[in-house]
Amino acid sequence: MTVATASVKRRRVAAGALVVLFGVELVVAWPSLTAALSRLESPHPGWVALALLAELAAMASYARMQRRLLRSAGVDAPLHRHVALAYAAHSLSVTLPGGPAFSTRLNYQQMRRFGATPAVASWCIALSGILSAGALASVTAVSVLAADRTPDWATLAAFALAAALLTLGARWSTRRPGTVARLLAPVNRLLHRPADRGLDRLTGFAAQLRAARLTPAHGAAAAAFAVLNWLLDAAALWLCLHAVSGGTPISVAHLLLTFCAGYAAATITIVPGGLGVIDSALILGLVTGGVATGTAIAAVVLYRLISFGFIIGAGWIAWFLIRDR
């Protein structure tokens, strides 16, 4: 037997095992699935509408966060352009393999069209990511404390340190361009390049970055919008649970913990949109909080139809509209 033949045989065995496993899980979970489908047939339209509004507000909050950051650097684009960018970039990020790279590129291109310099656009993208991750960590910590548990202070400290280092490093480099230029020479020597290679570009980049002065007011507003983005997204899940059950037999703290755990789990998967990973974590969290399995499945399916299906569809439409602007 050749190596290629053995490899094909192993893949077939693995595929067969997965089919058998899926079949067993389908049989075991069939009662819960039928219960979930029956609840999805008649969700309360009022709660569904509120969940959709919460998700739309969450996306608007993210757009407002980025707008605040750019306004602190003197770049003032209309809100609707920021909202369209938020939808389009989000869709690229969660639906394409390697999506974050495509999302970053789109953000950079559009921010340059808004009037941002290369340095300011890069700064805004980096700080947006740190603020969003820090906001999720903060919501997690608050929900852990509300549930009388011990938060992961090390993770929170790491996010705070990263934000502080980014801010201090940017300010130091813009205030001491001469020192940065002197540090460039030994780096160029290590790379066997002329000592002044890249000096003009570095000096220009530092000059552009000096325009990005994040005032306390803009910084506080951007951080508040980052937190609001996650809270409104979690509210959409809570409203979906109401829509299929008529009530929420779970505490707000436990629901927030479930929500944060689901999105934290999505950071360690390469599956676009965290499909399967987020869903499983959310269902498991709701069930452990006292929600019936069928109800939990129905609520998560409805939530993902809104937060993934509807928002992603709107995002691709937004991408089509802004890609050539």
C-alpha atoms as a PDB file:
ATOM      1  CA  MET A   1       0.000   0.000   0.000  1.00  0.00           C
ATOM      2  CA  THR A   2       1.424   3.382  -1.017  1.00  0.00           C
ATOM      3  CA  VAL A   3       1.563   6.403   1.260  1.00  0.00           C
ATOM      4  CA  ALA A   4      -1.082   8.171  -0.842  1.00  0.00           C
ATOM      5  CA  THR A   5      -3.439   5.179  -0.653  1.00  0.00           C
ATOM      6  CA  ALA A   6      -3.002   4.942   3.122  1.00  0.00           C
ATOM      7  CA  SER A   7      -3.736   8.657   3.471  1.00  0.00           C
ATOM      8  CA  VAL A   8      -6.935   8.326   1.437  1.00  0.00           C
ATOM      9  CA  LYS A   9      -8.010   5.351   3.539  1.00  0.00           C
ATOM     10  CA  ARG A  10      -7.423   7.256   6.782  1.00  0.00           C
ATOM     11  CA  ARG A  11      -9.477  10.185   5.511  1.00  0.00           C
ATOM     12  CA  ARG A  12     -12.327   7.856   4.561  1.00  0.00           C
ATOM     13  CA  VAL A  13     -12.253   6.192   7.977  1.00  0.00           C
ATOM     14  CA  ALA A  14     -12.251   9.598   9.688  1.00  0.00           C
ATOM     15  CA  ALA A  15     -15.127  10.801   7.509  1.00  0.00           C
ATOM     16  CA  GLY A  16     -17.087   7.627   8.257  1.00  0.00           C
ATOM     17  CA  ALA A  17     -16.491   8.036  11.991  1.00  0.00           C
ATOM     18  CA  LEU A  18     -17.735  11.627  11.835  1.00  0.00           C
ATOM     19  CA  VAL A  19     -20.889  10.551   9.994  1.00  0.00           C
ATOM     20  CA  VAL A  20     -21.571   7.866  12.610  1.00  0.00           C
ATOM     21  CA  LEU A  21     -20.926  10.336  15.444  1.00  0.00           C
ATOM     22  CA  PHE A  22     -23.241  12.886  13.856  1.00  0.00           C
ATOM     23  CA  GLY A  23     -25.935  10.237  13.448  1.00  0.00           C
ATOM     24  CA  VAL A  24     -25.683   9.180  17.095  1.00  0.00           C
ATOM     25  CA  GLU A  25     -25.828  12.791  18.284  1.00  0.00           C
ATOM     26  CA  LEU A  26     -28.825  13.441  16.033  1.00  0.00           C
ATOM     27  CA  VAL A  27     -30.711  10.488  17.504  1.00  0.00           C
ATOM     28  CA  VAL A  28     -29.843  11.423  21.093  1.00  0.00           C
ATOM     29  CA  ALA A  29     -30.672  15.107  20.630  1.00  0.00           C
ATOM     30  CA  TRP A  30     -33.748  14.593  18.437  1.00  0.00           C
ATOM     31  CA  PRO A  31     -36.316  15.363  21.189  1.00  0.00           C
ATOM     32  CA  SER A  32     -34.549  18.639  22.000  1.00  0.00           C
ATOM     33  CA  LEU A  33     -34.257  19.538  18.316  1.00  0.00           C
ATOM     34  CA  THR A  34     -37.951  18.941  17.657  1.00  0.00           C
ATOM     35  CA  ALA A  35     -38.813  21.048  20.705  1.00  0.00           C
ATOM     36  CA  ALA A  36     -36.549  23.813  19.417  1.00  0.00           C
ATOM     37  CA  LEU A  37     -38.112  23.709  15.954  1.00  0.00           C
ATOM     38  CA  SER A  38     -41.609  23.895  17.414  1.00  0.00           C
ATOM     39  CA  ARG A  39     -40.637  27.016  19.368  1.00  0.00           C
ATOM     40  CA  LEU A  40     -39.031  28.588  16.300  1.00  0.00           C
ATOM     41  CA  GLU A  41     -42.271  28.178  14.372  1.00  0.00           C
ATOM     42  CA  SER A  42     -44.020  30.815  16.462  1.00  0.00           C
ATOM     43  CA  PRO A  43     -41.607  33.235  18.183  1.00  0.00           C
ATOM     44  CA  HIS A  44     -43.177  36.378  19.615  1.00  0.00           C
ATOM     45  CA  PRO A  45     -42.832  39.008  16.844  1.00  0.00           C
ATOM     46  CA  GLY A  46     -42.499  41.900  19.286  1.00  0.00           C
ATOM     47  CA  TRP A  47     -39.483  40.379  21.043  1.00  0.00           C
ATOM     48  CA  VAL A  48     -37.941  39.422  17.682  1.00  0.00           C
ATOM     49  CA  ALA A  49     -38.287  43.026  16.489  1.00  0.00           C
ATOM     50  CA  LEU A  50     -36.641  44.287  19.683  1.00  0.00           C
ATOM     51  CA  ALA A  51     -33.786  41.783  19.252  1.00  0.00           C
ATOM     52  CA  LEU A  52     -33.239  43.036  15.709  1.00  0.00           C
ATOM     53  CA  LEU A  53     -33.211  46.648  16.917  1.00  0.00           C
ATOM     54  CA  ALA A  54     -30.706  45.751  19.654  1.00  0.00           C
ATOM     55  CA  GLU A  55     -28.384  44.170  17.078  1.00  0.00           C
ATOM     56  CA  LEU A  56     -28.660  47.202  14.790  1.00  0.00           C
ATOM     57  CA  ALA A  57     -27.884  49.467  17.753  1.00  0.00           C
ATOM     58  CA  ALA A  58     -24.859  47.305  18.616  1.00  0.00           C
ATOM     59  CA  MET A  59     -23.421  47.792  15.131  1.00  0.00           C
ATOM     60  CA  ALA A  60     -24.121  51.531  15.318  1.00  0.00           C
ATOM     61  CA  SER A  61     -22.256  51.676  18.641  1.00  0.00           C
ATOM     62  CA  TYR A  62     -19.162  50.102  17.080  1.00  0.00           C
ATOM     63  CA  ALA A  63     -19.332  52.609  14.220  1.00  0.00           C
ATOM     64  CA  ARG A  64     -19.618  55.485  16.705  1.00  0.00           C
ATOM     65  CA  MET A  65     -16.576  54.172  18.584  1.00  0.00           C
ATOM     66  CA  GLN A  66     -14.430  54.332  15.442  1.00  0.00           C
ATOM     67  CA  ARG A  67     -15.879  57.724  14.533  1.00  0.00           C
ATOM     68  CA  ARG A  68     -14.882  59.112  17.939  1.00  0.00           C
ATOM     69  CA  LEU A  69     -11.329  57.866  17.511  1.00  0.00           C
ATOM     70  CA  LEU A  70     -10.997  59.464  14.083  1.00  0.00           C
ATOM     71  CA  ARG A  71     -12.586  62.713  15.249  1.00  0.00           C
ATOM     72  CA  SER A  72      -9.921  62.962  17.947  1.00  0.00           C
ATOM     73  CA  ALA A  73      -7.415  63.111  15.073  1.00  0.00           C
ATOM     74  CA  GLY A  74      -9.379  65.767  13.214  1.00  0.00           C
ATOM     75  CA  VAL A  75     -11.057  63.395  10.741  1.00  0.00           C
ATOM     76  CA  ASP A  76     -14.821  63.946  10.668  1.00  0.00           C
ATOM     77  CA  ALA A  77     -16.770  61.688   8.301  1.00  0.00           C
ATOM     78  CA  PRO A  78     -20.578  61.328   8.274  1.00  0.00           C
ATOM     79  CA  LEU A  79     -21.972  58.718  10.649  1.00  0.00           C
ATOM     80  CA  HIS A  80     -23.683  56.759   7.869  1.00  0.00           C
ATOM     81  CA  ARG A  81     -20.310  56.141   6.200  1.00  0.00           C
ATOM     82  CA  HIS A  82     -18.889  54.781   9.452  1.00  0.00           C
ATOM     83  CA  VAL A  83     -21.949  52.548   9.899  1.00  0.00           C
ATOM     84  CA  ALA A  84     -21.617  51.186   6.357  1.00  0.00           C
ATOM     85  CA  LEU A  85     -17.917  50.501   6.978  1.00  0.00           C
ATOM     86  CA  ALA A  86     -18.679  48.717  10.265  1.00  0.00           C
ATOM     87  CA  TYR A  87     -21.149  46.385   8.538  1.00  0.00           C
ATOM     88  CA  ALA A  88     -18.910  45.692   5.540  1.00  0.00           C
ATOM     89  CA  ALA A  89     -15.737  45.114   7.571  1.00  0.00           C
ATOM     90  CA  HIS A  90     -17.579  42.845  10.015  1.00  0.00           C
ATOM     91  CA  SER A  91     -18.932  40.728   7.165  1.00  0.00           C
ATOM     92  CA  LEU A  92     -15.489  40.306   5.619  1.00  0.00           C
ATOM     93  CA  SER A  93     -14.006  39.417   9.001  1.00  0.00           C
ATOM     94  CA  VAL A  94     -16.447  36.662   9.955  1.00  0.00           C
ATOM     95  CA  THR A  95     -17.296  35.056   6.612  1.00  0.00           C
ATOM     96  CA  LEU A  96     -13.992  34.779   4.728  1.00  0.00           C
ATOM     97  CA  PRO A  97     -11.011  32.537   5.543  1.00  0.00           C
ATOM     98  CA  GLY A  98      -8.398  34.945   6.838  1.00  0.00           C
ATOM     99  CA  GLY A  99     -11.226  37.456   7.125  1.00  0.00           C
ATOM    100  CA  PRO A 100      -9.577  39.773   9.687  1.00  0.00           C
ATOM    101  CA  ALA A 101      -6.868  40.629   7.148  1.00  0.00           C
ATOM    102  CA  PHE A 102      -9.466  41.579   4.520  1.00  0.00           C
ATOM    103  CA  SER A 103     -11.392  43.527   7.158  1.00  0.00           C
ATOM    104  CA  THR A 104      -8.293  45.465   8.223  1.00  0.00           C
ATOM    105  CA  ARG A 105      -7.491  46.316   4.619  1.00  0.00           C
ATOM    106  CA  LEU A 106     -11.024  47.586   3.990  1.00  0.00           C
ATOM    107  CA  ASN A 107     -10.960  49.660   7.184  1.00  0.00           C
ATOM    108  CA  TYR A 108      -7.631  51.190   6.179  1.00  0.00           C
ATOM    109  CA  GLN A 109      -8.764  52.001   2.632  1.00  0.00           C
ATOM    110  CA  GLN A 110     -12.030  53.582   3.737  1.00  0.00           C
ATOM    111  CA  MET A 111     -10.459  55.593   6.558  1.00  0.00           C
ATOM    112  CA  ARG A 112      -7.932  56.977   4.087  1.00  0.00           C
ATOM    113  CA  ARG A 113     -10.897  58.013   1.930  1.00  0.00           C
ATOM    114  CA  PHE A 114     -12.435  59.677   4.980  1.00  0.00           C
ATOM    115  CA  GLY A 115      -9.311  61.865   5.079  1.00  0.00           C
ATOM    116  CA  ALA A 116      -7.156  60.020   7.623  1.00  0.00           C
ATOM    117  CA  THR A 117      -3.408  59.849   7.077  1.00  0.00           C
ATOM    118  CA  PRO A 118      -1.799  56.382   6.909  1.00  0.00           C
ATOM    119  CA  ALA A 119      -0.570  56.711  10.500  1.00  0.00           C
ATOM    120  CA  VAL A 120      -3.934  57.857  11.868  1.00  0.00           C
ATOM    121  CA  ALA A 121      -5.813  55.097  10.021  1.00  0.00           C
ATOM    122  CA  SER A 122      -3.431  52.438  11.364  1.00  0.00           C
ATOM    123  CA  TRP A 123      -3.664  53.902  14.875  1.00  0.00           C
ATOM    124  CA  CYS A 124      -7.469  53.920  14.779  1.00  0.00           C
ATOM    125  CA  ILE A 125      -7.686  50.299  13.596  1.00  0.00           C
ATOM    126  CA  ALA A 126      -5.275  49.092  16.288  1.00  0.00           C
ATOM    127  CA  LEU A 127      -6.960  51.044  19.078  1.00  0.00           C
ATOM    128  CA  SER A 128     -10.417  49.898  17.938  1.00  0.00           C
ATOM    129  CA  GLY A 129      -9.361  46.282  18.361  1.00  0.00           C
ATOM    130  CA  ILE A 130      -7.866  46.904  21.793  1.00  0.00           C
ATOM    131  CA  LEU A 131     -10.923  48.842  22.994  1.00  0.00           C
ATOM    132  CA  SER A 132     -13.304  46.150  21.747  1.00  0.00           C
ATOM    133  CA  ALA A 133     -11.330  43.318  23.353  1.00  0.00           C
ATOM    134  CA  GLY A 134     -10.928  45.298  26.565  1.00  0.00           C
ATOM    135  CA  ALA A 135     -14.654  46.053  26.636  1.00  0.00           C
ATOM    136  CA  LEU A 136     -15.500  42.349  26.314  1.00  0.00           C
ATOM    137  CA  ALA A 137     -13.063  41.569  29.127  1.00  0.00           C
ATOM    138  CA  SER A 138     -14.632  44.289  31.291  1.00  0.00           C
ATOM    139  CA  VAL A 139     -18.166  42.999  30.687  1.00  0.00           C
ATOM    140  CA  THR A 140     -16.935  39.510  31.554  1.00  0.00           C
ATOM    141  CA  ALA A 141     -15.348  40.731  34.792  1.00  0.00           C
ATOM    142  CA  VAL A 142     -18.476  42.600  35.876  1.00  0.00           C
ATOM    143  CA  SER A 143     -20.701  39.600  35.126  1.00  0.00           C
ATOM    144  CA  VAL A 144     -18.315  37.317  37.030  1.00  0.00           C
ATOM    145  CA  LEU A 145     -18.410  39.621  40.052  1.00  0.00           C
ATOM    146  CA  ALA A 146     -22.210  39.832  39.832  1.00  0.00           C
ATOM    147  CA  ALA A 147     -22.340  36.034  39.809  1.00  0.00           C
ATOM    148  CA  ASP A 148     -20.108  35.906  42.932  1.00  0.00           C
ATOM    149  CA  ARG A 149     -17.173  34.344  41.116  1.00  0.00           C
ATOM    150  CA  THR A 150     -13.516  35.302  40.718  1.00  0.00           C
ATOM    151  CA  PRO A 151     -12.660  37.161  37.483  1.00  0.00           C
ATOM    152  CA  ASP A 152      -9.506  36.553  35.473  1.00  0.00           C
ATOM    153  CA  TRP A 153      -7.575  39.583  36.685  1.00  0.00           C
ATOM    154  CA  ALA A 154      -4.501  38.550  34.682  1.00  0.00           C
ATOM    155  CA  THR A 155      -6.407  38.853  31.393  1.00  0.00           C
ATOM    156  CA  LEU A 156      -7.848  42.227  32.383  1.00  0.00           C
ATOM    157  CA  ALA A 157      -4.391  43.454  33.379  1.00  0.00           C
ATOM    158  CA  ALA A 158      -2.970  42.274  30.049  1.00  0.00           C
ATOM    159  CA  PHE A 159      -5.570  44.266  28.083  1.00  0.00           C
ATOM    160  CA  ALA A 160      -4.980  47.366  30.218  1.00  0.00           C
ATOM    161  CA  LEU A 161      -1.211  47.027  29.807  1.00  0.00           C
ATOM    162  CA  ALA A 162      -1.505  46.610  26.029  1.00  0.00           C
ATOM    163  CA  ALA A 163      -3.646  49.743  25.751  1.00  0.00           C
ATOM    164  CA  ALA A 164      -1.260  51.718  27.972  1.00  0.00           C
ATOM    165  CA  LEU A 165       1.840  50.580  26.064  1.00  0.00           C
ATOM    166  CA  LEU A 166       0.254  51.408  22.713  1.00  0.00           C
ATOM    167  CA  THR A 167      -0.728  54.892  23.885  1.00  0.00           C
ATOM    168  CA  LEU A 168       2.553  55.675  25.647  1.00  0.00           C
ATOM    169  CA  GLY A 169       4.641  54.244  22.806  1.00  0.00           C
ATOM    170  CA  ALA A 170       2.815  56.332  20.224  1.00  0.00           C
ATOM    171  CA  ARG A 171       3.168  59.509  22.293  1.00  0.00           C
ATOM    172  CA  TRP A 172       6.853  58.862  23.000  1.00  0.00           C
ATOM    173  CA  SER A 173       7.676  58.249  19.331  1.00  0.00           C
ATOM    174  CA  THR A 174       5.906  61.407  18.185  1.00  0.00           C
ATOM    175  CA  ARG A 175       7.543  63.613  20.827  1.00  0.00           C
ATOM    176  CA  ARG A 176      11.063  62.256  20.266  1.00  0.00           C
ATOM    177  CA  PRO A 177      11.476  61.764  16.512  1.00  0.00           C
ATOM    178  CA  GLY A 178      15.235  62.289  16.833  1.00  0.00           C
ATOM    179  CA  THR A 179      15.600  59.386  19.263  1.00  0.00           C
ATOM    180  CA  VAL A 180      13.498  57.156  17.015  1.00  0.00           C
ATOM    181  CA  ALA A 181      15.678  58.117  14.054  1.00  0.00           C
ATOM    182  CA  ARG A 182      18.832  57.201  15.988  1.00  0.00           C
ATOM    183  CA  LEU A 183      17.333  53.814  16.855  1.00  0.00           C
ATOM    184  CA  LEU A 184      16.699  53.201  13.167  1.00  0.00           C
ATOM    185  CA  ALA A 185      20.397  53.214  12.247  1.00  0.00           C
ATOM    186  CA  PRO A 186      21.417  50.063  14.203  1.00  0.00           C
ATOM    187  CA  VAL A 187      18.327  48.264  12.901  1.00  0.00           C
ATOM    188  CA  ASN A 188      19.347  49.078   9.336  1.00  0.00           C
ATOM    189  CA  ARG A 189      22.880  47.868  10.025  1.00  0.00           C
ATOM    190  CA  LEU A 190      21.530  44.516  11.200  1.00  0.00           C
ATOM    191  CA  LEU A 191      19.566  44.279   7.956  1.00  0.00           C
ATOM    192  CA  HIS A 192      22.612  45.363   5.897  1.00  0.00           C
ATOM    193  CA  ARG A 193      20.891  48.512   4.679  1.00  0.00           C
ATOM    194  CA  PRO A 194      22.021  52.162   4.490  1.00  0.00           C
ATOM    195  CA  ALA A 195      21.816  53.831   7.911  1.00  0.00           C
ATOM    196  CA  ASP A 196      19.178  56.358   6.784  1.00  0.00           C
ATOM    197  CA  ARG A 197      16.999  53.841   4.930  1.00  0.00           C
ATOM    198  CA  GLY A 198      13.333  54.539   5.737  1.00  0.00           C
ATOM    199  CA  LEU A 199      14.119  57.675   7.776  1.00  0.00           C
ATOM    200  CA  ASP A 200      11.944  59.991   5.665  1.00  0.00           C
ATOM    201  CA  ARG A 201       9.018  57.593   5.832  1.00  0.00           C
ATOM    202  CA  LEU A 202       9.414  57.149   9.598  1.00  0.00           C
ATOM    203  CA  THR A 203       9.623  60.901  10.175  1.00  0.00           C
ATOM    204  CA  GLY A 204       6.540  61.505   8.063  1.00  0.00           C
ATOM    205  CA  PHE A 205       4.655  58.737   9.870  1.00  0.00           C
ATOM    206  CA  ALA A 206       5.511  60.287  13.250  1.00  0.00           C
ATOM    207  CA  ALA A 207       4.374  63.706  12.037  1.00  0.00           C
ATOM    208  CA  GLN A 208       1.031  62.248  10.938  1.00  0.00           C
ATOM    209  CA  LEU A 209       0.622  60.399  14.226  1.00  0.00           C
ATOM    210  CA  ARG A 210       1.045  63.629  16.191  1.00  0.00           C
ATOM    211  CA  ALA A 211      -2.360  64.657  14.845  1.00  0.00           C
ATOM    212  CA  ALA A 212      -3.985  61.716  16.654  1.00  0.00           C
ATOM    213  CA  ARG A 213      -4.370  63.252  20.093  1.00  0.00           C
ATOM    214  CA  LEU A 214      -6.950  61.187  21.943  1.00  0.00           C
ATOM    215  CA  THR A 215      -8.526  63.609  24.414  1.00  0.00           C
ATOM    216  CA  PRO A 216     -10.067  62.267  27.639  1.00  0.00           C
ATOM    217  CA  ALA A 217     -13.562  63.105  26.349  1.00  0.00           C
ATOM    218  CA  HIS A 218     -13.107  61.277  23.047  1.00  0.00           C
ATOM    219  CA  GLY A 219     -11.354  58.375  24.772  1.00  0.00           C
ATOM    220  CA  ALA A 220     -14.106  57.949  27.362  1.00  0.00           C
ATOM    221  CA  ALA A 221     -16.811  58.147  24.701  1.00  0.00           C
ATOM    222  CA  ALA A 222     -15.049  55.581  22.496  1.00  0.00           C
ATOM    223  CA  ALA A 223     -14.639  53.193  25.446  1.00  0.00           C
ATOM    224  CA  ALA A 224     -18.313  53.633  26.385  1.00  0.00           C
ATOM    225  CA  PHE A 225     -19.423  52.826  22.843  1.00  0.00           C
ATOM    226  CA  ALA A 226     -17.170  49.732  22.838  1.00  0.00           C
ATOM    227  CA  VAL A 227     -18.843  48.452  26.016  1.00  0.00           C
ATOM    228  CA  LEU A 228     -22.295  49.360  24.698  1.00  0.00           C
ATOM    229  CA  ASN A 229     -21.601  47.360  21.541  1.00  0.00           C
ATOM    230  CA  TRP A 230     -21.187  44.147  23.557  1.00  0.00           C
ATOM    231  CA  LEU A 231     -24.037  44.887  25.972  1.00  0.00           C
ATOM    232  CA  LEU A 232     -26.505  45.485  23.137  1.00  0.00           C
ATOM    233  CA  ASP A 233     -25.351  42.293  21.415  1.00  0.00           C
ATOM    234  CA  ALA A 234     -25.938  40.368  24.652  1.00  0.00           C
ATOM    235  CA  ALA A 235     -29.325  42.084  24.984  1.00  0.00           C
ATOM    236  CA  ALA A 236     -30.245  40.680  21.570  1.00  0.00           C
ATOM    237  CA  LEU A 237     -29.591  37.159  22.892  1.00  0.00           C
ATOM    238  CA  TRP A 238     -31.710  37.898  25.984  1.00  0.00           C
ATOM    239  CA  LEU A 239     -34.552  39.191  23.782  1.00  0.00           C
ATOM    240  CA  CYS A 240     -34.355  36.105  21.546  1.00  0.00           C
ATOM    241  CA  LEU A 241     -34.708  33.945  24.655  1.00  0.00           C
ATOM    242  CA  HIS A 242     -37.821  35.942  25.562  1.00  0.00           C
ATOM    243  CA  ALA A 243     -39.165  35.545  22.021  1.00  0.00           C
ATOM    244  CA  VAL A 244     -39.154  31.735  22.143  1.00  0.00           C
ATOM    245  CA  SER A 245     -39.979  31.180  25.810  1.00  0.00           C
ATOM    246  CA  GLY A 246     -42.036  34.127  27.017  1.00  0.00           C
ATOM    247  CA  GLY A 247     -39.607  34.583  29.905  1.00  0.00           C
ATOM    248  CA  THR A 248     -35.963  34.225  30.924  1.00  0.00           C
ATOM    249  CA  PRO A 249     -35.382  31.540  33.598  1.00  0.00           C
ATOM    250  CA  ILE A 250     -31.775  32.700  33.864  1.00  0.00           C
ATOM    251  CA  SER A 251     -30.110  35.568  35.704  1.00  0.00           C
ATOM    252  CA  VAL A 252     -28.713  38.526  33.784  1.00  0.00           C
ATOM    253  CA  ALA A 253     -25.249  37.831  35.219  1.00  0.00           C
ATOM    254  CA  HIS A 254     -25.326  34.205  34.026  1.00  0.00           C
ATOM    255  CA  LEU A 255     -26.573  35.237  30.586  1.00  0.00           C
ATOM    256  CA  LEU A 256     -23.739  37.770  30.272  1.00  0.00           C
ATOM    257  CA  LEU A 257     -21.235  35.112  31.344  1.00  0.00           C
ATOM    258  CA  THR A 258     -22.659  32.739  28.746  1.00  0.00           C
ATOM    259  CA  PHE A 259     -22.467  35.412  26.064  1.00  0.00           C
ATOM    260  CA  CYS A 260     -18.877  36.387  26.915  1.00  0.00           C
ATOM    261  CA  ALA A 261     -17.759  32.745  27.074  1.00  0.00           C
ATOM    262  CA  GLY A 262     -19.238  32.103  23.642  1.00  0.00           C
ATOM    263  CA  TYR A 263     -17.401  34.979  22.010  1.00  0.00           C
ATOM    264  CA  ALA A 264     -14.192  34.249  23.891  1.00  0.00           C
ATOM    265  CA  ALA A 265     -14.333  30.688  22.522  1.00  0.00           C
ATOM    266  CA  ALA A 266     -14.681  32.097  19.008  1.00  0.00           C
ATOM    267  CA  THR A 267     -11.205  33.638  19.247  1.00  0.00           C
ATOM    268  CA  ILE A 268      -9.542  30.205  19.231  1.00  0.00           C
ATOM    269  CA  THR A 269     -11.263  28.813  16.147  1.00  0.00           C
ATOM    270  CA  ILE A 270     -10.505  29.300  12.465  1.00  0.00           C
ATOM    271  CA  VAL A 271     -14.089  28.548  11.430  1.00  0.00           C
ATOM    272  CA  PRO A 272     -15.611  31.661   9.802  1.00  0.00           C
ATOM    273  CA  GLY A 273     -18.063  33.363  12.115  1.00  0.00           C
ATOM    274  CA  GLY A 274     -17.267  30.896  14.885  1.00  0.00           C
ATOM    275  CA  LEU A 275     -19.988  28.642  13.460  1.00  0.00           C
ATOM    276  CA  GLY A 276     -20.590  25.716  15.768  1.00  0.00           C
ATOM    277  CA  VAL A 277     -18.229  27.039  18.425  1.00  0.00           C
ATOM    278  CA  ILE A 278     -20.197  30.104  19.514  1.00  0.00           C
ATOM    279  CA  ASP A 279     -23.497  28.262  19.127  1.00  0.00           C
ATOM    280  CA  SER A 280     -22.409  25.294  21.244  1.00  0.00           C
ATOM    281  CA  ALA A 281     -20.972  27.524  23.970  1.00  0.00           C
ATOM    282  CA  LEU A 282     -24.122  29.643  24.107  1.00  0.00           C
ATOM    283  CA  ILE A 283     -26.448  26.635  24.247  1.00  0.00           C
ATOM    284  CA  LEU A 284     -24.361  24.956  26.937  1.00  0.00           C
ATOM    285  CA  GLY A 285     -24.235  28.148  28.999  1.00  0.00           C
ATOM    286  CA  LEU A 286     -27.989  28.688  28.790  1.00  0.00           C
ATOM    287  CA  VAL A 287     -28.717  25.079  29.734  1.00  0.00           C
ATOM    288  CA  THR A 288     -26.420  25.258  32.769  1.00  0.00           C
ATOM    289  CA  GLY A 289     -28.273  28.424  33.759  1.00  0.00           C
ATOM    290  CA  GLY A 290     -31.556  26.548  33.957  1.00  0.00           C
ATOM    291  CA  VAL A 291     -32.974  26.980  30.444  1.00  0.00           C
ATOM    292  CA  ALA A 292     -34.558  23.896  28.859  1.00  0.00           C
ATOM    293  CA  THR A 293     -32.422  22.412  26.083  1.00  0.00           C
ATOM    294  CA  GLY A 294     -35.048  22.900  23.377  1.00  0.00           C
ATOM    295  CA  THR A 295     -35.599  26.502  24.417  1.00  0.00           C
ATOM    296  CA  ALA A 296     -31.850  27.182  24.515  1.00  0.00           C
ATOM    297  CA  ILE A 297     -31.358  25.772  21.008  1.00  0.00           C
ATOM    298  CA  ALA A 298     -34.277  27.797  19.639  1.00  0.00           C
ATOM    299  CA  ALA A 299     -33.046  31.013  21.275  1.00  0.00           C
ATOM    300  CA  VAL A 300     -29.496  30.596  19.976  1.00  0.00           C
ATOM    301  CA  VAL A 301     -30.663  29.705  16.457  1.00  0.00           C
ATOM    302  CA  LEU A 302     -32.890  32.794  16.376  1.00  0.00           C
ATOM    303  CA  TYR A 303     -30.099  34.973  17.787  1.00  0.00           C
ATOM    304  CA  ARG A 304     -27.608  33.705  15.209  1.00  0.00           C
ATOM    305  CA  LEU A 305     -30.116  34.220  12.385  1.00  0.00           C
ATOM    306  CA  ILE A 306     -30.202  37.883  13.389  1.00  0.00           C
ATOM    307  CA  SER A 307     -26.606  38.522  14.500  1.00  0.00           C
ATOM    308  CA  PHE A 308     -24.968  36.359  11.828  1.00  0.00           C
ATOM    309  CA  GLY A 309     -27.431  35.889   8.976  1.00  0.00           C
ATOM    310  CA  PHE A 310     -29.139  39.271   8.824  1.00  0.00           C
ATOM    311  CA  ILE A 311     -26.151  41.412   9.848  1.00  0.00           C
ATOM    312  CA  ILE A 312     -23.774  39.590   7.497  1.00  0.00           C
ATOM    313  CA  GLY A 313     -26.228  39.925   4.618  1.00  0.00           C
ATOM    314  CA  ALA A 314     -26.547  43.648   5.272  1.00  0.00           C
ATOM    315  CA  GLY A 315     -22.763  43.868   5.526  1.00  0.00           C
ATOM    316  CA  TRP A 316     -22.172  42.371   2.097  1.00  0.00           C
ATOM    317  CA  ILE A 317     -24.668  44.829   0.621  1.00  0.00           C
ATOM    318  CA  ALA A 318     -22.765  47.642   2.351  1.00  0.00           C
ATOM    319  CA  TRP A 319     -19.468  46.298   0.984  1.00  0.00           C
ATOM    320  CA  PHE A 320     -20.880  46.270  -2.543  1.00  0.00           C
ATOM    321  CA  LEU A 321     -21.984  49.893  -2.149  1.00  0.00           C
ATOM    322  CA  ILE A 322     -18.747  51.289  -0.664  1.00  0.00           C
ATOM    323  CA  ARG A 323     -16.035  49.185  -2.317  1.00  0.00           C
ATOM    324  CA  ASP A 324     -15.448  51.593  -5.227  1.00  0.00           C
ATOM    325  CA  ARG A 325     -16.034  54.844  -3.367  1.00  0.00           C
END
